[in-house]
């Protein structure tokens, strides 16, 4: 791919979940670490999120989900990326995600899953290590 410049991340709040403090904290932390961050705001559909990621030439999409709809919403985002020939955009998520759901999310193609208590430093390091491979 050979992309240069800062890592580009879309941070999104899909569905009806109105709790965005965590998403904003992560967006700010990634931005402070030198990444370009596009925060989509509340109540985004998977289609809107994928459209934004493609338009912004994002390296990854970080989904913040506290509503319990992580299985459905993550699956739809991964599916839409594949349908739109954009599966190179990697998906990671954070929120209230039961341990039992992690293997299924991973099987769906979600490459990173962050639960309460994960530090912003750990997320920054993970994004730097996983969203863009050296050219």
C-alpha atoms as a PDB file:
ATOM      1  CA  UNK A   1       0.000   0.000   0.000  1.00  0.00           C
ATOM      2  CA  UNK A   2       2.840   2.410   0.805  1.00  0.00           C
ATOM      3  CA  UNK A   3       0.668   5.045   2.489  1.00  0.00           C
ATOM      4  CA  UNK A   4       2.555   7.819   4.211  1.00  0.00           C
ATOM      5  CA  UNK A   5       1.492  10.398   6.741  1.00  0.00           C
ATOM      6  CA  UNK A   6      -0.245   9.909  10.038  1.00  0.00           C
ATOM      7  CA  UNK A   7      -2.503   6.977  10.786  1.00  0.00           C
ATOM      8  CA  UNK A   8      -6.119   7.927  10.020  1.00  0.00           C
ATOM      9  CA  UNK A   9      -8.841   6.625  12.326  1.00  0.00           C
ATOM     10  CA  UNK A  10     -12.605   7.067  12.207  1.00  0.00           C
ATOM     11  CA  UNK A  11     -14.053   6.919  15.728  1.00  0.00           C
ATOM     12  CA  UNK A  12     -17.776   6.206  15.622  1.00  0.00           C
ATOM     13  CA  UNK A  13     -20.793   5.752  17.883  1.00  0.00           C
ATOM     14  CA  UNK A  14     -23.141   3.433  15.996  1.00  0.00           C
ATOM     15  CA  UNK A  15     -26.777   2.857  16.804  1.00  0.00           C
ATOM     16  CA  UNK A  16     -28.855   4.406  19.524  1.00  0.00           C
ATOM     17  CA  UNK A  17     -26.165   4.544  22.201  1.00  0.00           C
ATOM     18  CA  UNK A  18     -25.941   8.130  23.440  1.00  0.00           C
ATOM     19  CA  UNK A  19     -22.949   7.761  25.751  1.00  0.00           C
ATOM     20  CA  UNK A  20     -20.006   9.303  23.943  1.00  0.00           C
ATOM     21  CA  UNK A  21     -17.568  10.361  26.645  1.00  0.00           C
ATOM     22  CA  UNK A  22     -15.341   7.304  26.119  1.00  0.00           C
ATOM     23  CA  UNK A  23     -15.311   7.775  22.347  1.00  0.00           C
ATOM     24  CA  UNK A  24     -14.287  11.394  22.789  1.00  0.00           C
ATOM     25  CA  UNK A  25     -11.530  10.434  25.236  1.00  0.00           C
ATOM     26  CA  UNK A  26     -10.151   7.892  22.759  1.00  0.00           C
ATOM     27  CA  UNK A  27     -10.453  10.315  19.839  1.00  0.00           C
ATOM     28  CA  UNK A  28      -8.514  12.953  21.772  1.00  0.00           C
ATOM     29  CA  UNK A  29      -5.860  10.461  22.918  1.00  0.00           C
ATOM     30  CA  UNK A  30      -5.272   9.199  19.381  1.00  0.00           C
ATOM     31  CA  UNK A  31      -5.123  12.780  18.070  1.00  0.00           C
ATOM     32  CA  UNK A  32      -2.673  13.751  20.829  1.00  0.00           C
ATOM     33  CA  UNK A  33      -0.534  10.768  19.773  1.00  0.00           C
ATOM     34  CA  UNK A  34      -0.223  12.269  16.283  1.00  0.00           C
ATOM     35  CA  UNK A  35      -2.983  10.452  14.432  1.00  0.00           C
ATOM     36  CA  UNK A  36      -5.647  12.032  12.262  1.00  0.00           C
ATOM     37  CA  UNK A  37      -9.008  11.311  13.871  1.00  0.00           C
ATOM     38  CA  UNK A  38     -12.442  11.768  12.377  1.00  0.00           C
ATOM     39  CA  UNK A  39     -15.129  11.566  15.058  1.00  0.00           C
ATOM     40  CA  UNK A  40     -18.519  10.930  13.461  1.00  0.00           C
ATOM     41  CA  UNK A  41     -20.686  11.868  16.438  1.00  0.00           C
ATOM     42  CA  UNK A  42     -23.649  10.045  17.921  1.00  0.00           C
ATOM     43  CA  UNK A  43     -26.261   7.776  16.342  1.00  0.00           C
ATOM     44  CA  UNK A  44     -24.407   6.783  13.190  1.00  0.00           C
ATOM     45  CA  UNK A  45     -25.562   3.922  10.990  1.00  0.00           C
ATOM     46  CA  UNK A  46     -23.049   1.314   9.840  1.00  0.00           C
ATOM     47  CA  UNK A  47     -23.529   2.674   6.310  1.00  0.00           C
ATOM     48  CA  UNK A  48     -22.645   6.205   7.408  1.00  0.00           C
ATOM     49  CA  UNK A  49     -19.586   4.971   9.284  1.00  0.00           C
ATOM     50  CA  UNK A  50     -18.286   2.958   6.329  1.00  0.00           C
ATOM     51  CA  UNK A  51     -18.990   5.823   3.912  1.00  0.00           C
ATOM     52  CA  UNK A  52     -16.990   8.173   6.132  1.00  0.00           C
ATOM     53  CA  UNK A  53     -14.091   5.733   6.467  1.00  0.00           C
ATOM     54  CA  UNK A  54     -13.874   5.266   2.705  1.00  0.00           C
ATOM     55  CA  UNK A  55     -14.189   8.995   1.961  1.00  0.00           C
ATOM     56  CA  UNK A  56     -11.546   9.848   4.551  1.00  0.00           C
ATOM     57  CA  UNK A  57      -9.160   7.090   3.371  1.00  0.00           C
ATOM     58  CA  UNK A  58      -9.050   5.756   6.923  1.00  0.00           C
ATOM     59  CA  UNK A  59      -6.695   3.038   8.098  1.00  0.00           C
ATOM     60  CA  UNK A  60      -9.162   1.922  10.752  1.00  0.00           C
ATOM     61  CA  UNK A  61     -12.562   2.331  12.330  1.00  0.00           C
ATOM     62  CA  UNK A  62     -12.904   2.403  16.098  1.00  0.00           C
ATOM     63  CA  UNK A  63     -16.450   1.617  17.202  1.00  0.00           C
ATOM     64  CA  UNK A  64     -17.575   2.635  20.677  1.00  0.00           C
ATOM     65  CA  UNK A  65     -20.566   0.554  21.727  1.00  0.00           C
ATOM     66  CA  UNK A  66     -22.135   0.559  25.174  1.00  0.00           C
ATOM     67  CA  UNK A  67     -25.647  -0.465  24.126  1.00  0.00           C
ATOM     68  CA  UNK A  68     -25.114  -4.220  23.930  1.00  0.00           C
ATOM     69  CA  UNK A  69     -25.571  -4.235  20.153  1.00  0.00           C
ATOM     70  CA  UNK A  70     -21.877  -4.859  19.443  1.00  0.00           C
ATOM     71  CA  UNK A  71     -22.405  -8.206  17.686  1.00  0.00           C
ATOM     72  CA  UNK A  72     -24.887  -6.801  15.175  1.00  0.00           C
ATOM     73  CA  UNK A  73     -23.211  -3.433  14.609  1.00  0.00           C
ATOM     74  CA  UNK A  74     -19.645  -4.739  14.288  1.00  0.00           C
ATOM     75  CA  UNK A  75     -20.772  -7.494  11.927  1.00  0.00           C
ATOM     76  CA  UNK A  76     -22.578  -4.985   9.717  1.00  0.00           C
ATOM     77  CA  UNK A  77     -19.604  -2.618   9.517  1.00  0.00           C
ATOM     78  CA  UNK A  78     -17.227  -5.467   8.592  1.00  0.00           C
ATOM     79  CA  UNK A  79     -19.742  -6.777   6.033  1.00  0.00           C
ATOM     80  CA  UNK A  80     -20.180  -3.356   4.414  1.00  0.00           C
ATOM     81  CA  UNK A  81     -16.423  -2.833   4.197  1.00  0.00           C
ATOM     82  CA  UNK A  82     -16.083  -6.148   2.363  1.00  0.00           C
ATOM     83  CA  UNK A  83     -18.979  -5.324   0.027  1.00  0.00           C
ATOM     84  CA  UNK A  84     -17.425  -1.972  -0.840  1.00  0.00           C
ATOM     85  CA  UNK A  85     -13.969  -3.445  -1.527  1.00  0.00           C
ATOM     86  CA  UNK A  86     -12.587  -1.688   1.555  1.00  0.00           C
ATOM     87  CA  UNK A  87     -11.738  -4.661   3.773  1.00  0.00           C
ATOM     88  CA  UNK A  88      -8.248  -3.189   4.208  1.00  0.00           C
ATOM     89  CA  UNK A  89      -9.840  -0.717   6.646  1.00  0.00           C
ATOM     90  CA  UNK A  90      -9.447  -2.480   9.968  1.00  0.00           C
ATOM     91  CA  UNK A  91     -12.182  -2.508  12.605  1.00  0.00           C
ATOM     92  CA  UNK A  92     -11.669  -2.382  16.354  1.00  0.00           C
ATOM     93  CA  UNK A  93     -14.181  -1.742  19.099  1.00  0.00           C
ATOM     94  CA  UNK A  94     -14.530  -0.825  22.704  1.00  0.00           C
ATOM     95  CA  UNK A  95     -17.265  -0.808  25.276  1.00  0.00           C
ATOM     96  CA  UNK A  96     -19.248  -3.177  27.425  1.00  0.00           C
ATOM     97  CA  UNK A  97     -18.366  -6.410  25.649  1.00  0.00           C
ATOM     98  CA  UNK A  98     -18.716  -9.714  27.476  1.00  0.00           C
ATOM     99  CA  UNK A  99     -15.689 -12.018  27.337  1.00  0.00           C
ATOM    100  CA  UNK A 100     -17.875 -14.702  25.750  1.00  0.00           C
ATOM    101  CA  UNK A 101     -18.458 -12.457  22.711  1.00  0.00           C
ATOM    102  CA  UNK A 102     -14.789 -11.776  21.986  1.00  0.00           C
ATOM    103  CA  UNK A 103     -14.104 -14.977  19.977  1.00  0.00           C
ATOM    104  CA  UNK A 104     -17.130 -14.398  17.752  1.00  0.00           C
ATOM    105  CA  UNK A 105     -16.228 -10.752  17.167  1.00  0.00           C
ATOM    106  CA  UNK A 106     -12.711 -11.834  16.257  1.00  0.00           C
ATOM    107  CA  UNK A 107     -14.085 -14.454  13.867  1.00  0.00           C
ATOM    108  CA  UNK A 108     -16.206 -11.735  12.238  1.00  0.00           C
ATOM    109  CA  UNK A 109     -13.058  -9.744  11.517  1.00  0.00           C
ATOM    110  CA  UNK A 110     -12.856  -7.290  14.416  1.00  0.00           C
ATOM    111  CA  UNK A 111      -9.116  -7.160  15.080  1.00  0.00           C
ATOM    112  CA  UNK A 112      -9.068  -5.364  18.426  1.00  0.00           C
ATOM    113  CA  UNK A 113     -11.497  -5.392  21.341  1.00  0.00           C
ATOM    114  CA  UNK A 114     -11.139  -3.088  24.331  1.00  0.00           C
ATOM    115  CA  UNK A 115     -13.216  -3.397  27.468  1.00  0.00           C
ATOM    116  CA  UNK A 116     -13.592  -1.092  30.477  1.00  0.00           C
ATOM    117  CA  UNK A 117     -10.304  -0.534  32.250  1.00  0.00           C
ATOM    118  CA  UNK A 118      -8.151  -0.550  29.118  1.00  0.00           C
ATOM    119  CA  UNK A 119      -5.813   2.420  29.287  1.00  0.00           C
ATOM    120  CA  UNK A 120      -5.590   5.019  26.555  1.00  0.00           C
ATOM    121  CA  UNK A 121      -1.851   4.293  26.385  1.00  0.00           C
ATOM    122  CA  UNK A 122      -2.587   0.636  25.608  1.00  0.00           C
ATOM    123  CA  UNK A 123      -5.065   1.607  22.891  1.00  0.00           C
ATOM    124  CA  UNK A 124      -2.636   4.086  21.322  1.00  0.00           C
ATOM    125  CA  UNK A 125       0.123   1.475  21.245  1.00  0.00           C
ATOM    126  CA  UNK A 126      -2.235  -1.120  19.774  1.00  0.00           C
ATOM    127  CA  UNK A 127      -3.399   1.266  17.036  1.00  0.00           C
ATOM    128  CA  UNK A 128       0.188   2.205  16.174  1.00  0.00           C
ATOM    129  CA  UNK A 129       1.171  -1.469  16.017  1.00  0.00           C
ATOM    130  CA  UNK A 130      -1.858  -2.778  14.114  1.00  0.00           C
ATOM    131  CA  UNK A 131      -3.450  -0.246  11.795  1.00  0.00           C
ATOM    132  CA  UNK A 132      -0.705   0.334   9.309  1.00  0.00           C
ATOM    133  CA  UNK A 133       2.028  -2.022   8.313  1.00  0.00           C
ATOM    134  CA  UNK A 134       5.355  -0.533   7.235  1.00  0.00           C
ATOM    135  CA  UNK A 135       5.705  -0.093   3.477  1.00  0.00           C
END
